[in-house]
N, C-alpha and C. Protein backbone atom coordinates (compact mmCIF):
# COMPACT_ATOMS: atom_id res chain seq x y z
N MET A 1 -3.91 9.97 8.84
CA MET A 1 -4.23 9.93 7.42
C MET A 1 -4.64 11.32 6.98
N PRO A 2 -4.11 11.77 5.84
CA PRO A 2 -4.55 13.08 5.35
C PRO A 2 -6.05 13.04 5.12
N THR A 3 -6.74 14.10 5.51
CA THR A 3 -8.19 14.12 5.34
C THR A 3 -8.58 14.64 3.97
N VAL A 4 -7.71 15.39 3.34
CA VAL A 4 -7.98 15.93 2.02
C VAL A 4 -6.89 15.43 1.08
N LEU A 5 -7.31 14.93 -0.06
CA LEU A 5 -6.35 14.45 -1.03
C LEU A 5 -5.61 15.62 -1.64
N ASP A 6 -4.31 15.51 -1.69
CA ASP A 6 -3.48 16.50 -2.37
C ASP A 6 -3.74 16.32 -3.87
N THR A 7 -4.44 17.27 -4.47
CA THR A 7 -4.82 17.11 -5.88
C THR A 7 -3.62 17.17 -6.81
N ALA A 8 -2.48 17.61 -6.32
CA ALA A 8 -1.28 17.61 -7.15
C ALA A 8 -0.65 16.21 -7.19
N ALA A 9 -1.05 15.35 -6.26
CA ALA A 9 -0.48 14.00 -6.21
C ALA A 9 -0.91 13.22 -7.45
N GLN A 10 0.06 12.78 -8.22
CA GLN A 10 -0.22 12.07 -9.46
C GLN A 10 0.30 10.63 -9.43
N THR A 11 1.42 10.40 -8.73
CA THR A 11 2.02 9.07 -8.71
C THR A 11 2.03 8.53 -7.29
N PHE A 12 1.81 7.22 -7.19
CA PHE A 12 1.65 6.59 -5.88
C PHE A 12 2.41 5.27 -5.83
N LEU A 13 2.87 4.94 -4.64
CA LEU A 13 3.34 3.59 -4.33
C LEU A 13 2.41 3.08 -3.25
N ALA A 14 1.98 1.83 -3.41
CA ALA A 14 1.07 1.23 -2.43
C ALA A 14 1.75 0.04 -1.79
N PHE A 15 1.36 -0.22 -0.55
CA PHE A 15 1.95 -1.31 0.23
C PHE A 15 0.86 -2.17 0.86
N ASP A 16 1.05 -3.48 0.72
CA ASP A 16 0.22 -4.47 1.43
C ASP A 16 1.13 -5.03 2.51
N TYR A 17 1.07 -4.42 3.70
CA TYR A 17 1.98 -4.74 4.80
C TYR A 17 1.72 -6.14 5.36
N GLY A 18 2.82 -6.86 5.59
CA GLY A 18 2.76 -8.14 6.27
C GLY A 18 3.98 -8.26 7.18
N LEU A 19 3.92 -9.15 8.15
CA LEU A 19 5.04 -9.28 9.08
C LEU A 19 6.34 -9.68 8.38
N LYS A 20 6.26 -10.56 7.39
CA LYS A 20 7.47 -11.02 6.72
C LYS A 20 7.57 -10.55 5.27
N ARG A 21 6.44 -10.24 4.65
CA ARG A 21 6.41 -9.82 3.25
C ARG A 21 5.53 -8.59 3.11
N THR A 22 5.98 -7.66 2.29
CA THR A 22 5.19 -6.45 2.03
C THR A 22 5.05 -6.31 0.52
N GLY A 23 3.81 -6.45 0.05
CA GLY A 23 3.55 -6.28 -1.37
C GLY A 23 3.66 -4.82 -1.75
N VAL A 24 4.11 -4.58 -2.99
CA VAL A 24 4.31 -3.21 -3.47
C VAL A 24 3.69 -3.09 -4.86
N ALA A 25 3.08 -1.94 -5.11
CA ALA A 25 2.55 -1.63 -6.44
C ALA A 25 2.77 -0.15 -6.71
N SER A 26 2.95 0.17 -7.98
CA SER A 26 3.06 1.57 -8.39
C SER A 26 1.87 1.90 -9.28
N GLY A 27 1.49 3.15 -9.28
CA GLY A 27 0.36 3.55 -10.11
C GLY A 27 0.27 5.04 -10.22
N ASN A 28 -0.64 5.48 -11.09
CA ASN A 28 -0.79 6.91 -11.25
C ASN A 28 -2.25 7.30 -11.44
N ARG A 29 -2.48 8.55 -11.16
CA ARG A 29 -3.82 9.12 -11.17
C ARG A 29 -4.40 9.21 -12.59
N ILE A 30 -3.56 9.43 -13.58
CA ILE A 30 -4.03 9.63 -14.95
C ILE A 30 -4.67 8.36 -15.50
N THR A 31 -3.97 7.23 -15.38
CA THR A 31 -4.51 5.97 -15.92
C THR A 31 -5.40 5.25 -14.92
N ARG A 32 -5.29 5.64 -13.64
CA ARG A 32 -6.03 4.98 -12.55
C ARG A 32 -5.78 3.47 -12.55
N SER A 33 -4.54 3.12 -12.87
CA SER A 33 -4.17 1.71 -12.86
C SER A 33 -2.90 1.53 -12.05
N ALA A 34 -2.65 0.28 -11.67
CA ALA A 34 -1.49 -0.04 -10.85
C ALA A 34 -0.74 -1.22 -11.47
N THR A 35 0.54 -1.29 -11.16
CA THR A 35 1.40 -2.36 -11.64
C THR A 35 2.11 -2.99 -10.45
N PRO A 36 2.09 -4.32 -10.34
CA PRO A 36 2.80 -4.94 -9.22
C PRO A 36 4.30 -4.74 -9.34
N GLN A 37 4.93 -4.58 -8.21
CA GLN A 37 6.39 -4.47 -8.14
C GLN A 37 6.90 -5.64 -7.29
N THR A 38 8.18 -5.81 -7.24
CA THR A 38 8.76 -6.91 -6.48
C THR A 38 8.40 -6.78 -5.00
N THR A 39 7.89 -7.86 -4.43
CA THR A 39 7.52 -7.87 -3.02
C THR A 39 8.77 -7.78 -2.15
N ILE A 40 8.66 -7.02 -1.09
CA ILE A 40 9.76 -6.87 -0.12
C ILE A 40 9.66 -8.03 0.87
N THR A 41 10.71 -8.82 0.95
CA THR A 41 10.75 -9.93 1.91
C THR A 41 11.80 -9.60 2.96
N ALA A 42 11.42 -8.71 3.84
CA ALA A 42 12.33 -8.27 4.90
C ALA A 42 11.50 -7.83 6.08
N GLU A 43 12.16 -7.83 7.23
CA GLU A 43 11.51 -7.40 8.46
C GLU A 43 12.30 -6.26 9.07
N GLY A 44 11.67 -5.56 10.01
CA GLY A 44 12.36 -4.52 10.79
C GLY A 44 12.98 -3.44 9.92
N GLU A 45 14.16 -3.01 10.33
CA GLU A 45 14.83 -1.90 9.65
C GLU A 45 15.17 -2.22 8.20
N SER A 46 15.50 -3.47 7.90
CA SER A 46 15.86 -3.81 6.52
C SER A 46 14.67 -3.60 5.57
N ARG A 47 13.45 -3.74 6.09
CA ARG A 47 12.26 -3.45 5.27
C ARG A 47 12.27 -1.97 4.87
N PHE A 48 12.58 -1.10 5.83
CA PHE A 48 12.55 0.33 5.55
C PHE A 48 13.70 0.77 4.64
N VAL A 49 14.81 0.05 4.68
CA VAL A 49 15.91 0.33 3.74
C VAL A 49 15.43 0.05 2.32
N GLN A 50 14.75 -1.09 2.13
CA GLN A 50 14.24 -1.43 0.80
C GLN A 50 13.15 -0.46 0.35
N ILE A 51 12.31 -0.03 1.27
CA ILE A 51 11.27 0.95 0.92
C ILE A 51 11.92 2.26 0.49
N ALA A 52 12.95 2.70 1.20
CA ALA A 52 13.64 3.94 0.84
C ALA A 52 14.22 3.83 -0.57
N GLN A 53 14.73 2.65 -0.92
CA GLN A 53 15.26 2.45 -2.27
C GLN A 53 14.15 2.58 -3.31
N ARG A 54 12.99 2.01 -3.01
CA ARG A 54 11.85 2.10 -3.94
C ARG A 54 11.39 3.54 -4.10
N LEU A 55 11.36 4.27 -2.99
CA LEU A 55 10.94 5.67 -3.05
C LEU A 55 11.91 6.50 -3.88
N LYS A 56 13.18 6.21 -3.74
CA LYS A 56 14.19 6.92 -4.54
C LYS A 56 14.01 6.60 -6.02
N GLU A 57 13.74 5.35 -6.32
CA GLU A 57 13.58 4.92 -7.71
C GLU A 57 12.30 5.49 -8.34
N TRP A 58 11.18 5.40 -7.63
CA TRP A 58 9.88 5.77 -8.19
C TRP A 58 9.51 7.23 -7.96
N GLN A 59 10.02 7.85 -6.93
CA GLN A 59 9.72 9.23 -6.58
C GLN A 59 8.21 9.53 -6.57
N PRO A 60 7.45 8.77 -5.79
CA PRO A 60 6.00 8.99 -5.75
C PRO A 60 5.64 10.29 -5.04
N ASP A 61 4.46 10.79 -5.39
CA ASP A 61 3.94 11.99 -4.72
C ASP A 61 3.31 11.64 -3.38
N ALA A 62 2.83 10.40 -3.26
CA ALA A 62 2.14 9.97 -2.04
C ALA A 62 2.20 8.44 -1.96
N LEU A 63 1.87 7.93 -0.77
CA LEU A 63 1.88 6.50 -0.51
C LEU A 63 0.48 6.05 -0.10
N VAL A 64 0.21 4.77 -0.34
CA VAL A 64 -1.07 4.17 0.03
C VAL A 64 -0.77 2.90 0.80
N VAL A 65 -1.42 2.71 1.92
CA VAL A 65 -1.22 1.51 2.74
C VAL A 65 -2.57 0.82 2.93
N GLY A 66 -2.60 -0.47 2.64
CA GLY A 66 -3.79 -1.26 2.89
C GLY A 66 -3.90 -1.58 4.37
N VAL A 67 -5.09 -1.39 4.92
CA VAL A 67 -5.33 -1.66 6.33
C VAL A 67 -6.40 -2.74 6.42
N PRO A 68 -6.05 -3.90 7.00
CA PRO A 68 -7.01 -5.01 7.07
C PRO A 68 -7.98 -4.86 8.24
N TYR A 69 -9.19 -5.32 8.00
CA TYR A 69 -10.23 -5.36 9.03
C TYR A 69 -10.95 -6.69 8.93
N HIS A 70 -11.62 -7.07 10.00
CA HIS A 70 -12.50 -8.24 9.95
C HIS A 70 -13.64 -7.95 8.98
N PRO A 71 -14.30 -8.99 8.48
CA PRO A 71 -15.43 -8.77 7.55
C PRO A 71 -16.50 -7.83 8.10
N ASP A 72 -16.69 -7.81 9.42
CA ASP A 72 -17.71 -6.92 10.00
C ASP A 72 -17.19 -5.50 10.25
N GLY A 73 -15.95 -5.25 9.84
CA GLY A 73 -15.37 -3.92 10.00
C GLY A 73 -14.59 -3.71 11.28
N ALA A 74 -14.58 -4.71 12.14
CA ALA A 74 -13.85 -4.59 13.41
C ALA A 74 -12.34 -4.68 13.16
N ALA A 75 -11.61 -3.94 13.97
CA ALA A 75 -10.15 -3.98 13.90
C ALA A 75 -9.63 -5.25 14.55
N HIS A 76 -8.43 -5.64 14.16
CA HIS A 76 -7.76 -6.78 14.79
C HIS A 76 -6.26 -6.48 14.89
N GLU A 77 -5.48 -7.46 15.29
CA GLU A 77 -4.05 -7.26 15.54
C GLU A 77 -3.33 -6.69 14.31
N ASN A 78 -3.63 -7.21 13.13
CA ASN A 78 -2.96 -6.73 11.92
C ASN A 78 -3.41 -5.33 11.52
N THR A 79 -4.60 -4.93 11.94
CA THR A 79 -5.06 -3.56 11.69
C THR A 79 -4.10 -2.60 12.37
N ALA A 80 -3.82 -2.84 13.64
CA ALA A 80 -2.91 -1.97 14.40
C ALA A 80 -1.51 -1.97 13.79
N ARG A 81 -1.06 -3.13 13.33
CA ARG A 81 0.28 -3.21 12.71
C ARG A 81 0.35 -2.37 11.43
N ALA A 82 -0.68 -2.48 10.60
CA ALA A 82 -0.69 -1.72 9.34
C ALA A 82 -0.77 -0.22 9.61
N LEU A 83 -1.56 0.19 10.60
CA LEU A 83 -1.65 1.60 10.94
C LEU A 83 -0.32 2.13 11.47
N LYS A 84 0.38 1.32 12.26
CA LYS A 84 1.71 1.71 12.75
C LYS A 84 2.67 1.86 11.57
N PHE A 85 2.62 0.91 10.64
CA PHE A 85 3.46 0.97 9.45
C PHE A 85 3.19 2.27 8.68
N ALA A 86 1.93 2.64 8.52
CA ALA A 86 1.57 3.89 7.83
C ALA A 86 2.17 5.09 8.55
N ARG A 87 2.07 5.11 9.89
CA ARG A 87 2.65 6.21 10.68
C ARG A 87 4.16 6.27 10.49
N GLN A 88 4.81 5.10 10.47
CA GLN A 88 6.26 5.07 10.29
C GLN A 88 6.65 5.62 8.91
N LEU A 89 5.90 5.27 7.89
CA LEU A 89 6.18 5.80 6.55
C LEU A 89 6.07 7.32 6.54
N ARG A 90 5.00 7.84 7.16
CA ARG A 90 4.80 9.29 7.24
C ARG A 90 5.99 9.96 7.92
N GLY A 91 6.36 9.40 9.07
CA GLY A 91 7.44 10.00 9.85
C GLY A 91 8.80 9.91 9.18
N ARG A 92 9.07 8.83 8.49
CA ARG A 92 10.38 8.63 7.87
C ARG A 92 10.54 9.38 6.55
N HIS A 93 9.45 9.52 5.80
CA HIS A 93 9.60 10.01 4.44
C HIS A 93 8.89 11.33 4.16
N GLY A 94 8.05 11.79 5.09
CA GLY A 94 7.41 13.09 4.93
C GLY A 94 6.45 13.19 3.75
N LEU A 95 5.98 12.06 3.26
CA LEU A 95 5.01 12.05 2.17
C LEU A 95 3.60 11.84 2.72
N PRO A 96 2.59 12.30 2.00
CA PRO A 96 1.23 11.95 2.42
C PRO A 96 1.06 10.43 2.34
N VAL A 97 0.39 9.86 3.32
CA VAL A 97 0.11 8.42 3.34
C VAL A 97 -1.39 8.26 3.50
N TYR A 98 -2.00 7.58 2.54
CA TYR A 98 -3.44 7.33 2.55
C TYR A 98 -3.68 5.88 2.94
N GLU A 99 -4.63 5.67 3.82
CA GLU A 99 -4.97 4.32 4.29
C GLU A 99 -6.23 3.85 3.59
N VAL A 100 -6.21 2.60 3.12
CA VAL A 100 -7.32 2.03 2.38
C VAL A 100 -7.76 0.74 3.05
N ASP A 101 -9.05 0.58 3.24
CA ASP A 101 -9.60 -0.67 3.77
C ASP A 101 -9.30 -1.77 2.75
N GLU A 102 -8.54 -2.75 3.16
CA GLU A 102 -8.12 -3.78 2.22
C GLU A 102 -8.76 -5.14 2.47
N ARG A 103 -9.94 -5.14 3.06
CA ARG A 103 -10.63 -6.41 3.26
C ARG A 103 -10.75 -7.16 1.94
N TYR A 104 -10.38 -8.41 1.97
CA TYR A 104 -10.53 -9.33 0.82
C TYR A 104 -9.52 -9.12 -0.31
N SER A 105 -8.58 -8.19 -0.21
CA SER A 105 -7.65 -7.98 -1.32
C SER A 105 -6.78 -9.21 -1.56
N THR A 106 -6.31 -9.86 -0.50
CA THR A 106 -5.48 -11.05 -0.67
C THR A 106 -6.31 -12.20 -1.23
N THR A 107 -7.54 -12.34 -0.75
CA THR A 107 -8.44 -13.37 -1.27
C THR A 107 -8.68 -13.15 -2.76
N GLU A 108 -8.90 -11.90 -3.15
CA GLU A 108 -9.11 -11.57 -4.55
C GLU A 108 -7.85 -11.87 -5.37
N ALA A 109 -6.69 -11.54 -4.83
CA ALA A 109 -5.43 -11.82 -5.53
C ALA A 109 -5.27 -13.32 -5.78
N HIS A 110 -5.58 -14.13 -4.76
CA HIS A 110 -5.49 -15.59 -4.92
C HIS A 110 -6.50 -16.08 -5.96
N SER A 111 -7.71 -15.52 -5.95
CA SER A 111 -8.74 -15.95 -6.90
C SER A 111 -8.36 -15.61 -8.34
N LEU A 112 -7.49 -14.61 -8.50
CA LEU A 112 -7.00 -14.25 -9.83
C LEU A 112 -5.83 -15.13 -10.27
N GLY A 113 -5.40 -16.04 -9.37
CA GLY A 113 -4.30 -16.93 -9.68
C GLY A 113 -2.94 -16.27 -9.58
N ALA A 114 -2.82 -15.26 -8.76
CA ALA A 114 -1.58 -14.50 -8.63
C ALA A 114 -0.44 -15.37 -8.14
N LYS A 115 0.70 -15.26 -8.80
CA LYS A 115 1.91 -15.96 -8.34
C LYS A 115 2.49 -15.25 -7.13
N ASP A 116 2.38 -13.93 -7.11
CA ASP A 116 2.82 -13.13 -5.96
C ASP A 116 1.59 -12.39 -5.43
N ALA A 117 0.89 -13.06 -4.54
CA ALA A 117 -0.37 -12.51 -4.02
C ALA A 117 -0.16 -11.19 -3.29
N ASP A 118 1.00 -11.00 -2.68
CA ASP A 118 1.25 -9.75 -1.95
C ASP A 118 1.31 -8.56 -2.91
N ALA A 119 2.03 -8.72 -4.01
CA ALA A 119 2.15 -7.63 -4.99
C ALA A 119 0.81 -7.37 -5.67
N VAL A 120 0.09 -8.42 -6.02
CA VAL A 120 -1.22 -8.24 -6.66
C VAL A 120 -2.20 -7.61 -5.68
N SER A 121 -2.12 -7.99 -4.42
CA SER A 121 -2.96 -7.36 -3.40
C SER A 121 -2.66 -5.87 -3.30
N ALA A 122 -1.38 -5.49 -3.36
CA ALA A 122 -1.01 -4.07 -3.34
C ALA A 122 -1.61 -3.36 -4.56
N CYS A 123 -1.65 -4.04 -5.71
CA CYS A 123 -2.28 -3.47 -6.92
C CYS A 123 -3.77 -3.24 -6.70
N ILE A 124 -4.42 -4.23 -6.12
CA ILE A 124 -5.86 -4.13 -5.86
C ILE A 124 -6.14 -2.96 -4.92
N ILE A 125 -5.32 -2.84 -3.89
CA ILE A 125 -5.45 -1.74 -2.92
C ILE A 125 -5.28 -0.40 -3.63
N LEU A 126 -4.25 -0.29 -4.45
CA LEU A 126 -3.97 0.98 -5.12
C LEU A 126 -5.06 1.30 -6.15
N GLU A 127 -5.50 0.32 -6.91
CA GLU A 127 -6.55 0.59 -7.90
C GLU A 127 -7.86 1.00 -7.22
N GLN A 128 -8.15 0.40 -6.07
CA GLN A 128 -9.34 0.80 -5.30
C GLN A 128 -9.21 2.27 -4.90
N PHE A 129 -8.04 2.64 -4.41
CA PHE A 129 -7.78 4.02 -4.01
C PHE A 129 -7.91 4.96 -5.22
N LEU A 130 -7.29 4.59 -6.34
CA LEU A 130 -7.32 5.45 -7.53
C LEU A 130 -8.74 5.65 -8.06
N ARG A 131 -9.56 4.61 -7.97
CA ARG A 131 -10.97 4.72 -8.41
C ARG A 131 -11.75 5.69 -7.54
N SER A 132 -11.32 5.86 -6.28
CA SER A 132 -12.04 6.74 -5.35
C SER A 132 -11.70 8.20 -5.55
N LEU A 133 -10.69 8.49 -6.35
CA LEU A 133 -10.27 9.87 -6.55
C LEU A 133 -11.25 10.63 -7.42
N PRO A 134 -11.41 11.94 -7.15
CA PRO A 134 -12.31 12.74 -8.00
C PRO A 134 -11.74 12.93 -9.40
């Protein structure tokens, strides 16, 4: 994870990684808001093909990946999967990738009545990240 935020980064795509579905949201630093995008329902290499298409379409300056943890902060199996996904994005696309603790984002998305909880969770992750920016 980059330790210093690239202050030139203005536009972001965020991902809520899952084994079968990956929520996506776009957002920007100026409004500090995010918009849900169509969730990717693909696994393996086909997931990365769809991500490459999104990157070409949106041309973000950086990416944000939600990383799940247990309520007590301990890592679990999905923590390692999300961190691997973040590393793969870095390696494949050469963009800065920021990791965000996403505890409770899916629960919050469901409590909001989201029809696509994965995309809304990606929005929550991205908005949390954008609020943390100086």
